[in-house]
Amino acid sequence: MESAAASILKRAVEMDSNKQYTMALVLYQEGIQILLDSKKETTDPAKQKYFAIKASEYLDRAEKIKILIEKEKATGTYRELIKIETDSIGHGYGTVFGRFLDATVTYINIEDPYIRAFHQCQNFVRLCELAVRKCHALSKISLVTTLDPDDKKNQIARLNELKQSLSSHLISFEFKFSDTLHDRQIILSNGWIIKIGRGLDYFKAPNGKFVLGACDLELRPCSETTIDIFHKSQVNNDQKMI
């Protein structure tokens, strides 16, 4: 547990140094919890004191980051850039989007021109699954994409199947097609806006059907892309209703 805490907190400090504050905050919280659990489990007074001191130090930094994030959100100046390197792993949707998906999210709007091929629609379903698990007040998901001229029948069938599935969770799903769409972004009702250079399709194809990463995107190698995250205290009407 000590080595796990050290590894997580080291990453937290790295994210903190890179001004990726929302990710740093999640990692600080995970690491602090492990330190507190370690303190409970050990009977060594010296270790108990050490774990308590380190947890207090990291908790103080986490609280400062919370204040910083809220301050910059209020002024509309918060921005976070994430660079995903070629062939790197650990960038599944849960890691990239999960910390922004919570009980305050009531609707999600996605603009991505390439929710067309089978694997792209599958990835979109994965994002919806994550949202349903984490956003307990979610009532609507909207998608704007482009129509696949070579396979539009299957594309529409896949999206309609997802629409029916989401409706069983009392979530409406609306999709429409645009011939001029180029932007790739996810807009959350809580003000977070996530722009991904490659859209949702930033994973490389797995090298087989029975290899690590075939099912779990956290273990899937990625193509190079940049993620731009910022916050708007007011999401305008065009963004609310795609």
C-alpha atoms as a PDB file:
ATOM      1  CA  MET A   1       0.000   0.000   0.000  1.00  0.00           C
ATOM      2  CA  GLU A   2       2.890   2.343   0.733  1.00  0.00           C
ATOM      3  CA  SER A   3       4.367   1.851  -2.730  1.00  0.00           C
ATOM      4  CA  ALA A   4       0.922   2.321  -4.313  1.00  0.00           C
ATOM      5  CA  ALA A   5       0.455   5.599  -2.429  1.00  0.00           C
ATOM      6  CA  ALA A   6       3.922   6.768  -3.442  1.00  0.00           C
ATOM      7  CA  SER A   7       3.271   5.984  -7.120  1.00  0.00           C
ATOM      8  CA  ILE A   8      -0.113   7.732  -7.178  1.00  0.00           C
ATOM      9  CA  LEU A   9       1.104  10.784  -5.290  1.00  0.00           C
ATOM     10  CA  LYS A  10       4.139  11.062  -7.560  1.00  0.00           C
ATOM     11  CA  ARG A  11       1.762  11.229 -10.535  1.00  0.00           C
ATOM     12  CA  ALA A  12      -0.342  13.772  -8.657  1.00  0.00           C
ATOM     13  CA  VAL A  13       2.673  16.039  -8.214  1.00  0.00           C
ATOM     14  CA  GLU A  14       3.540  15.658 -11.916  1.00  0.00           C
ATOM     15  CA  MET A  15      -0.010  16.587 -12.957  1.00  0.00           C
ATOM     16  CA  ASP A  16       0.077  19.479 -10.499  1.00  0.00           C
ATOM     17  CA  SER A  17       3.347  20.742 -11.997  1.00  0.00           C
ATOM     18  CA  ASN A  18       1.849  20.483 -15.507  1.00  0.00           C
ATOM     19  CA  LYS A  19      -1.216  22.488 -14.379  1.00  0.00           C
ATOM     20  CA  GLN A  20      -3.510  19.531 -15.013  1.00  0.00           C
ATOM     21  CA  TYR A  21      -5.240  20.393 -11.786  1.00  0.00           C
ATOM     22  CA  THR A  22      -8.434  18.347 -12.073  1.00  0.00           C
ATOM     23  CA  MET A  23      -6.439  15.165 -12.650  1.00  0.00           C
ATOM     24  CA  ALA A  24      -3.969  16.111  -9.901  1.00  0.00           C
ATOM     25  CA  LEU A  25      -6.862  16.560  -7.473  1.00  0.00           C
ATOM     26  CA  VAL A  26      -8.244  13.079  -8.200  1.00  0.00           C
ATOM     27  CA  LEU A  27      -4.812  11.526  -7.732  1.00  0.00           C
ATOM     28  CA  TYR A  28      -4.120  13.444  -4.515  1.00  0.00           C
ATOM     29  CA  GLN A  29      -7.442  12.220  -3.112  1.00  0.00           C
ATOM     30  CA  GLU A  30      -6.669   8.601  -4.056  1.00  0.00           C
ATOM     31  CA  GLY A  31      -3.174   8.783  -2.589  1.00  0.00           C
ATOM     32  CA  ILE A  32      -4.351  10.445   0.628  1.00  0.00           C
ATOM     33  CA  GLN A  33      -6.953   7.733   1.163  1.00  0.00           C
ATOM     34  CA  ILE A  34      -4.290   5.026   0.794  1.00  0.00           C
ATOM     35  CA  LEU A  35      -2.064   6.823   3.325  1.00  0.00           C
ATOM     36  CA  LEU A  36      -4.948   7.009   5.807  1.00  0.00           C
ATOM     37  CA  ASP A  37      -5.762   3.333   5.262  1.00  0.00           C
ATOM     38  CA  SER A  38      -2.080   2.474   5.796  1.00  0.00           C
ATOM     39  CA  LYS A  39      -2.088   4.470   9.028  1.00  0.00           C
ATOM     40  CA  LYS A  40      -5.039   2.420  10.312  1.00  0.00           C
ATOM     41  CA  GLU A  41      -3.455  -0.904   9.409  1.00  0.00           C
ATOM     42  CA  THR A  42       0.007  -0.415  10.876  1.00  0.00           C
ATOM     43  CA  THR A  43       0.783  -0.810  14.575  1.00  0.00           C
ATOM     44  CA  ASP A  44       4.117   0.986  14.292  1.00  0.00           C
ATOM     45  CA  PRO A  45       3.762   4.416  16.008  1.00  0.00           C
ATOM     46  CA  ALA A  46       6.539   5.935  13.895  1.00  0.00           C
ATOM     47  CA  LYS A  47       4.808   4.861  10.676  1.00  0.00           C
ATOM     48  CA  GLN A  48       1.458   6.063  11.965  1.00  0.00           C
ATOM     49  CA  LYS A  49       2.929   9.491  12.587  1.00  0.00           C
ATOM     50  CA  TYR A  50       4.658   9.533   9.191  1.00  0.00           C
ATOM     51  CA  PHE A  51       1.493   8.580   7.310  1.00  0.00           C
ATOM     52  CA  ALA A  52      -0.509  11.206   9.212  1.00  0.00           C
ATOM     53  CA  ILE A  53       2.017  13.953   8.421  1.00  0.00           C
ATOM     54  CA  LYS A  54       2.225  13.078   4.719  1.00  0.00           C
ATOM     55  CA  ALA A  55      -1.564  12.804   4.413  1.00  0.00           C
ATOM     56  CA  SER A  56      -1.916  16.231   6.022  1.00  0.00           C
ATOM     57  CA  GLU A  57       0.645  17.760   3.651  1.00  0.00           C
ATOM     58  CA  TYR A  58      -1.031  16.370   0.529  1.00  0.00           C
ATOM     59  CA  LEU A  59      -4.494  17.228   1.851  1.00  0.00           C
ATOM     60  CA  ASP A  60      -3.404  20.833   2.268  1.00  0.00           C
ATOM     61  CA  ARG A  61      -2.228  20.942  -1.351  1.00  0.00           C
ATOM     62  CA  ALA A  62      -5.436  19.263  -2.554  1.00  0.00           C
ATOM     63  CA  GLU A  63      -7.540  21.891  -0.772  1.00  0.00           C
ATOM     64  CA  LYS A  64      -5.515  24.675  -2.397  1.00  0.00           C
ATOM     65  CA  ILE A  65      -6.064  23.104  -5.824  1.00  0.00           C
ATOM     66  CA  LYS A  66      -9.815  22.901  -5.152  1.00  0.00           C
ATOM     67  CA  ILE A  67      -9.879  26.619  -4.381  1.00  0.00           C
ATOM     68  CA  LEU A  68      -7.773  27.409  -7.462  1.00  0.00           C
ATOM     69  CA  ILE A  69     -10.062  25.396  -9.756  1.00  0.00           C
ATOM     70  CA  GLU A  70     -13.218  27.012  -8.364  1.00  0.00           C
ATOM     71  CA  LYS A  71     -11.715  30.479  -8.635  1.00  0.00           C
ATOM     72  CA  GLU A  72     -10.681  30.015 -12.269  1.00  0.00           C
ATOM     73  CA  LYS A  73     -14.024  28.388 -13.111  1.00  0.00           C
ATOM     74  CA  ALA A  74     -15.838  31.412 -11.698  1.00  0.00           C
ATOM     75  CA  THR A  75     -13.752  33.813 -13.803  1.00  0.00           C
ATOM     76  CA  GLY A  76     -13.918  31.632 -16.924  1.00  0.00           C
ATOM     77  CA  THR A  77     -10.135  31.272 -17.111  1.00  0.00           C
ATOM     78  CA  TYR A  78      -9.684  27.599 -16.247  1.00  0.00           C
ATOM     79  CA  ARG A  79      -7.954  25.630 -18.977  1.00  0.00           C
ATOM     80  CA  GLU A  80      -6.176  22.302 -19.002  1.00  0.00           C
ATOM     81  CA  LEU A  81      -4.166  20.794 -21.860  1.00  0.00           C
ATOM     82  CA  ILE A  82      -3.381  17.095 -22.035  1.00  0.00           C
ATOM     83  CA  LYS A  83      -1.006  15.631 -24.609  1.00  0.00           C
ATOM     84  CA  ILE A  84      -1.546  11.942 -25.381  1.00  0.00           C
ATOM     85  CA  GLU A  85       1.584  10.408 -26.855  1.00  0.00           C
ATOM     86  CA  THR A  86       1.635   7.796 -29.606  1.00  0.00           C
ATOM     87  CA  ASP A  87       1.302   4.240 -28.257  1.00  0.00           C
ATOM     88  CA  SER A  88       0.758   5.441 -24.682  1.00  0.00           C
ATOM     89  CA  ILE A  89      -1.880   3.680 -22.570  1.00  0.00           C
ATOM     90  CA  GLY A  90      -4.007   4.681 -19.601  1.00  0.00           C
ATOM     91  CA  HIS A  91      -6.218   7.127 -21.513  1.00  0.00           C
ATOM     92  CA  GLY A  92      -9.577   5.373 -21.484  1.00  0.00           C
ATOM     93  CA  TYR A  93     -12.727   7.449 -21.286  1.00  0.00           C
ATOM     94  CA  GLY A  94     -12.970   6.898 -17.541  1.00  0.00           C
ATOM     95  CA  THR A  95      -9.562   8.493 -17.005  1.00  0.00           C
ATOM     96  CA  VAL A  96     -10.052  11.306 -19.506  1.00  0.00           C
ATOM     97  CA  PHE A  97     -13.700  12.230 -18.823  1.00  0.00           C
ATOM     98  CA  GLY A  98     -14.677  10.486 -15.606  1.00  0.00           C
ATOM     99  CA  ARG A  99     -13.780  13.253 -13.184  1.00  0.00           C
ATOM    100  CA  PHE A 100     -16.134  15.677 -14.958  1.00  0.00           C
ATOM    101  CA  LEU A 101     -19.091  13.304 -15.036  1.00  0.00           C
ATOM    102  CA  ASP A 102     -21.060  13.501 -11.810  1.00  0.00           C
ATOM    103  CA  ALA A 103     -24.529  14.007 -10.348  1.00  0.00           C
ATOM    104  CA  THR A 104     -24.608  17.650 -11.543  1.00  0.00           C
ATOM    105  CA  VAL A 105     -24.670  16.611 -15.212  1.00  0.00           C
ATOM    106  CA  THR A 106     -28.190  16.589 -16.663  1.00  0.00           C
ATOM    107  CA  TYR A 107     -27.344  16.603 -20.371  1.00  0.00           C
ATOM    108  CA  ILE A 108     -24.357  15.887 -22.605  1.00  0.00           C
ATOM    109  CA  ASN A 109     -23.867  17.211 -26.134  1.00  0.00           C
ATOM    110  CA  ILE A 110     -21.282  15.574 -28.399  1.00  0.00           C
ATOM    111  CA  GLU A 111     -20.020  16.871 -31.724  1.00  0.00           C
ATOM    112  CA  ASP A 112     -17.847  14.366 -33.551  1.00  0.00           C
ATOM    113  CA  PRO A 113     -17.842  13.894 -37.341  1.00  0.00           C
ATOM    114  CA  TYR A 114     -16.697  10.293 -37.084  1.00  0.00           C
ATOM    115  CA  ILE A 115     -19.294   8.310 -35.189  1.00  0.00           C
ATOM    116  CA  ARG A 116     -19.839   6.238 -38.303  1.00  0.00           C
ATOM    117  CA  ALA A 117     -17.902   2.968 -38.531  1.00  0.00           C
ATOM    118  CA  PHE A 118     -18.743   0.005 -36.303  1.00  0.00           C
ATOM    119  CA  HIS A 119     -15.831   0.574 -33.882  1.00  0.00           C
ATOM    120  CA  GLN A 120     -16.572   4.300 -33.684  1.00  0.00           C
ATOM    121  CA  CYS A 121     -20.181   3.621 -32.717  1.00  0.00           C
ATOM    122  CA  GLN A 122     -18.944   1.063 -30.181  1.00  0.00           C
ATOM    123  CA  ASN A 123     -16.675   3.677 -28.607  1.00  0.00           C
ATOM    124  CA  PHE A 124     -19.609   6.087 -28.458  1.00  0.00           C
ATOM    125  CA  VAL A 125     -21.610   3.431 -26.593  1.00  0.00           C
ATOM    126  CA  ARG A 126     -18.708   3.095 -24.128  1.00  0.00           C
ATOM    127  CA  LEU A 127     -18.880   6.833 -23.432  1.00  0.00           C
ATOM    128  CA  CYS A 128     -22.641   6.609 -22.903  1.00  0.00           C
ATOM    129  CA  GLU A 129     -22.186   3.677 -20.520  1.00  0.00           C
ATOM    130  CA  LEU A 130     -19.710   5.707 -18.479  1.00  0.00           C
ATOM    131  CA  ALA A 131     -22.107   8.668 -18.379  1.00  0.00           C
ATOM    132  CA  VAL A 132     -25.053   6.518 -17.281  1.00  0.00           C
ATOM    133  CA  ARG A 133     -22.989   5.018 -14.443  1.00  0.00           C
ATOM    134  CA  LYS A 134     -21.693   8.330 -13.135  1.00  0.00           C
ATOM    135  CA  CYS A 135     -24.345  10.943 -13.985  1.00  0.00           C
ATOM    136  CA  HIS A 136     -27.361   9.987 -11.883  1.00  0.00           C
ATOM    137  CA  ALA A 137     -29.408  13.020 -12.990  1.00  0.00           C
ATOM    138  CA  LEU A 138     -28.668  12.561 -16.703  1.00  0.00           C
ATOM    139  CA  SER A 139     -31.775  12.956 -18.859  1.00  0.00           C
ATOM    140  CA  LYS A 140     -30.473  13.726 -22.351  1.00  0.00           C
ATOM    141  CA  ILE A 141     -27.577  12.949 -24.704  1.00  0.00           C
ATOM    142  CA  SER A 142     -27.287  14.673 -28.080  1.00  0.00           C
ATOM    143  CA  LEU A 143     -24.950  13.808 -30.957  1.00  0.00           C
ATOM    144  CA  VAL A 144     -24.063  15.673 -34.120  1.00  0.00           C
ATOM    145  CA  THR A 145     -21.987  13.641 -36.576  1.00  0.00           C
ATOM    146  CA  THR A 146     -21.655  13.082 -40.318  1.00  0.00           C
ATOM    147  CA  LEU A 147     -23.552  10.541 -42.356  1.00  0.00           C
ATOM    148  CA  ASP A 148     -21.519   7.629 -43.678  1.00  0.00           C
ATOM    149  CA  PRO A 149     -22.258   7.629 -47.449  1.00  0.00           C
ATOM    150  CA  ASP A 150     -21.095   4.019 -47.812  1.00  0.00           C
ATOM    151  CA  ASP A 151     -22.922   2.515 -44.826  1.00  0.00           C
ATOM    152  CA  LYS A 152     -25.603   4.964 -43.717  1.00  0.00           C
ATOM    153  CA  LYS A 153     -28.224   2.259 -43.173  1.00  0.00           C
ATOM    154  CA  ASN A 154     -26.123   0.413 -40.595  1.00  0.00           C
ATOM    155  CA  GLN A 155     -24.918   3.629 -38.995  1.00  0.00           C
ATOM    156  CA  ILE A 156     -28.490   4.825 -38.421  1.00  0.00           C
ATOM    157  CA  ALA A 157     -29.534   1.369 -37.186  1.00  0.00           C
ATOM    158  CA  ARG A 158     -26.733   1.356 -34.592  1.00  0.00           C
ATOM    159  CA  LEU A 159     -27.670   4.809 -33.304  1.00  0.00           C
ATOM    160  CA  ASN A 160     -31.353   3.917 -33.145  1.00  0.00           C
ATOM    161  CA  GLU A 161     -30.511   0.785 -31.173  1.00  0.00           C
ATOM    162  CA  LEU A 162     -28.577   2.935 -28.704  1.00  0.00           C
ATOM    163  CA  LYS A 163     -31.516   5.355 -28.552  1.00  0.00           C
ATOM    164  CA  GLN A 164     -33.827   2.533 -27.505  1.00  0.00           C
ATOM    165  CA  SER A 165     -31.355   1.256 -24.930  1.00  0.00           C
ATOM    166  CA  LEU A 166     -30.879   4.692 -23.361  1.00  0.00           C
ATOM    167  CA  SER A 167     -34.631   5.225 -23.205  1.00  0.00           C
ATOM    168  CA  SER A 168     -34.875   2.206 -20.885  1.00  0.00           C
ATOM    169  CA  HIS A 169     -32.754   4.261 -18.468  1.00  0.00           C
ATOM    170  CA  LEU A 170     -35.063   7.278 -18.929  1.00  0.00           C
ATOM    171  CA  ILE A 171     -32.453   9.093 -21.000  1.00  0.00           C
ATOM    172  CA  SER A 172     -33.414  10.619 -24.325  1.00  0.00           C
ATOM    173  CA  PHE A 173     -30.932  10.354 -27.173  1.00  0.00           C
ATOM    174  CA  GLU A 174     -31.130  12.628 -30.188  1.00  0.00           C
ATOM    175  CA  PHE A 175     -28.769  12.500 -33.140  1.00  0.00           C
ATOM    176  CA  LYS A 176     -28.522  14.434 -36.353  1.00  0.00           C
ATOM    177  CA  PHE A 177     -26.140  14.681 -39.280  1.00  0.00           C
ATOM    178  CA  SER A 178     -24.183  17.634 -40.603  1.00  0.00           C
ATOM    179  CA  ASP A 179     -22.277  17.868 -43.888  1.00  0.00           C
ATOM    180  CA  THR A 180     -20.057  20.682 -42.596  1.00  0.00           C
ATOM    181  CA  LEU A 181     -19.152  19.462 -39.110  1.00  0.00           C
ATOM    182  CA  HIS A 182     -15.452  19.684 -38.241  1.00  0.00           C
ATOM    183  CA  ASP A 183     -15.430  20.424 -34.512  1.00  0.00           C
ATOM    184  CA  ARG A 184     -14.891  17.624 -32.026  1.00  0.00           C
ATOM    185  CA  GLN A 185     -16.118  18.460 -28.561  1.00  0.00           C
ATOM    186  CA  ILE A 186     -18.092  17.220 -25.578  1.00  0.00           C
ATOM    187  CA  ILE A 187     -20.216  19.787 -23.758  1.00  0.00           C
ATOM    188  CA  LEU A 188     -21.496  18.967 -20.288  1.00  0.00           C
ATOM    189  CA  SER A 189     -24.353  20.801 -18.606  1.00  0.00           C
ATOM    190  CA  ASN A 190     -22.150  21.511 -15.571  1.00  0.00           C
ATOM    191  CA  GLY A 191     -20.020  23.827 -17.727  1.00  0.00           C
ATOM    192  CA  TRP A 192     -17.124  21.572 -18.656  1.00  0.00           C
ATOM    193  CA  ILE A 193     -16.164  21.512 -22.335  1.00  0.00           C
ATOM    194  CA  ILE A 194     -13.719  18.894 -23.618  1.00  0.00           C
ATOM    195  CA  LYS A 195     -12.174  19.217 -27.071  1.00  0.00           C
ATOM    196  CA  ILE A 196     -10.226  16.258 -28.463  1.00  0.00           C
ATOM    197  CA  GLY A 197      -8.131  16.691 -31.585  1.00  0.00           C
ATOM    198  CA  ARG A 198      -9.071  13.258 -32.938  1.00  0.00           C
ATOM    199  CA  GLY A 199     -12.519  13.069 -31.390  1.00  0.00           C
ATOM    200  CA  LEU A 200     -13.481   9.875 -29.570  1.00  0.00           C
ATOM    201  CA  ASP A 201     -11.596   7.706 -32.063  1.00  0.00           C
ATOM    202  CA  TYR A 202      -8.075   8.207 -30.687  1.00  0.00           C
ATOM    203  CA  PHE A 203      -7.335   4.542 -29.979  1.00  0.00           C
ATOM    204  CA  LYS A 204      -5.299   2.299 -32.226  1.00  0.00           C
ATOM    205  CA  ALA A 205      -6.788  -0.988 -33.389  1.00  0.00           C
ATOM    206  CA  PRO A 206      -5.816  -3.871 -31.068  1.00  0.00           C
ATOM    207  CA  ASN A 207      -3.332  -6.402 -32.409  1.00  0.00           C
ATOM    208  CA  GLY A 208      -5.799  -9.221 -31.883  1.00  0.00           C
ATOM    209  CA  LYS A 209      -9.135 -10.146 -30.368  1.00  0.00           C
ATOM    210  CA  PHE A 210      -7.601 -11.784 -27.295  1.00  0.00           C
ATOM    211  CA  VAL A 211      -4.952  -9.260 -26.311  1.00  0.00           C
ATOM    212  CA  LEU A 212      -4.910  -6.735 -23.471  1.00  0.00           C
ATOM    213  CA  GLY A 213      -6.709  -3.636 -24.644  1.00  0.00           C
ATOM    214  CA  ALA A 214      -9.123  -5.490 -26.894  1.00  0.00           C
ATOM    215  CA  CYS A 215     -11.921  -4.787 -24.401  1.00  0.00           C
ATOM    216  CA  ASP A 216     -10.476  -2.351 -21.843  1.00  0.00           C
ATOM    217  CA  LEU A 217      -9.615   0.996 -23.470  1.00  0.00           C
ATOM    218  CA  GLU A 218      -7.385   1.894 -20.523  1.00  0.00           C
ATOM    219  CA  LEU A 219      -4.999  -0.771 -21.859  1.00  0.00           C
ATOM    220  CA  ARG A 220      -5.377   0.166 -25.533  1.00  0.00           C
ATOM    221  CA  PRO A 221      -2.467   2.043 -27.212  1.00  0.00           C
ATOM    222  CA  CYS A 222      -3.450   5.495 -28.437  1.00  0.00           C
ATOM    223  CA  SER A 223      -2.717   7.675 -31.426  1.00  0.00           C
ATOM    224  CA  GLU A 224      -1.193  11.061 -30.681  1.00  0.00           C
ATOM    225  CA  THR A 225      -3.735  13.734 -29.858  1.00  0.00           C
ATOM    226  CA  THR A 226      -4.291  16.771 -27.670  1.00  0.00           C
ATOM    227  CA  ILE A 227      -7.177  17.269 -25.254  1.00  0.00           C
ATOM    228  CA  ASP A 228      -8.228  20.820 -24.390  1.00  0.00           C
ATOM    229  CA  ILE A 229     -10.419  21.148 -21.299  1.00  0.00           C
ATOM    230  CA  PHE A 230     -12.004  24.374 -20.105  1.00  0.00           C
ATOM    231  CA  HIS A 231     -14.995  25.558 -18.131  1.00  0.00           C
ATOM    232  CA  LYS A 232     -17.764  28.030 -18.838  1.00  0.00           C
ATOM    233  CA  SER A 233     -20.008  29.127 -15.993  1.00  0.00           C
ATOM    234  CA  GLN A 234     -22.790  29.687 -18.498  1.00  0.00           C
ATOM    235  CA  VAL A 235     -23.378  27.287 -21.380  1.00  0.00           C
ATOM    236  CA  ASN A 236     -25.185  29.210 -24.107  1.00  0.00           C
ATOM    237  CA  ASN A 237     -28.490  28.124 -25.600  1.00  0.00           C
ATOM    238  CA  ASP A 238     -26.912  26.805 -28.809  1.00  0.00           C
ATOM    239  CA  GLN A 239     -24.712  24.495 -26.758  1.00  0.00           C
ATOM    240  CA  LYS A 240     -27.616  23.438 -24.532  1.00  0.00           C
ATOM    241  CA  MET A 241     -29.747  22.301 -27.448  1.00  0.00           C
ATOM    242  CA  ILE A 242     -27.822  20.925 -30.393  1.00  0.00           C
END
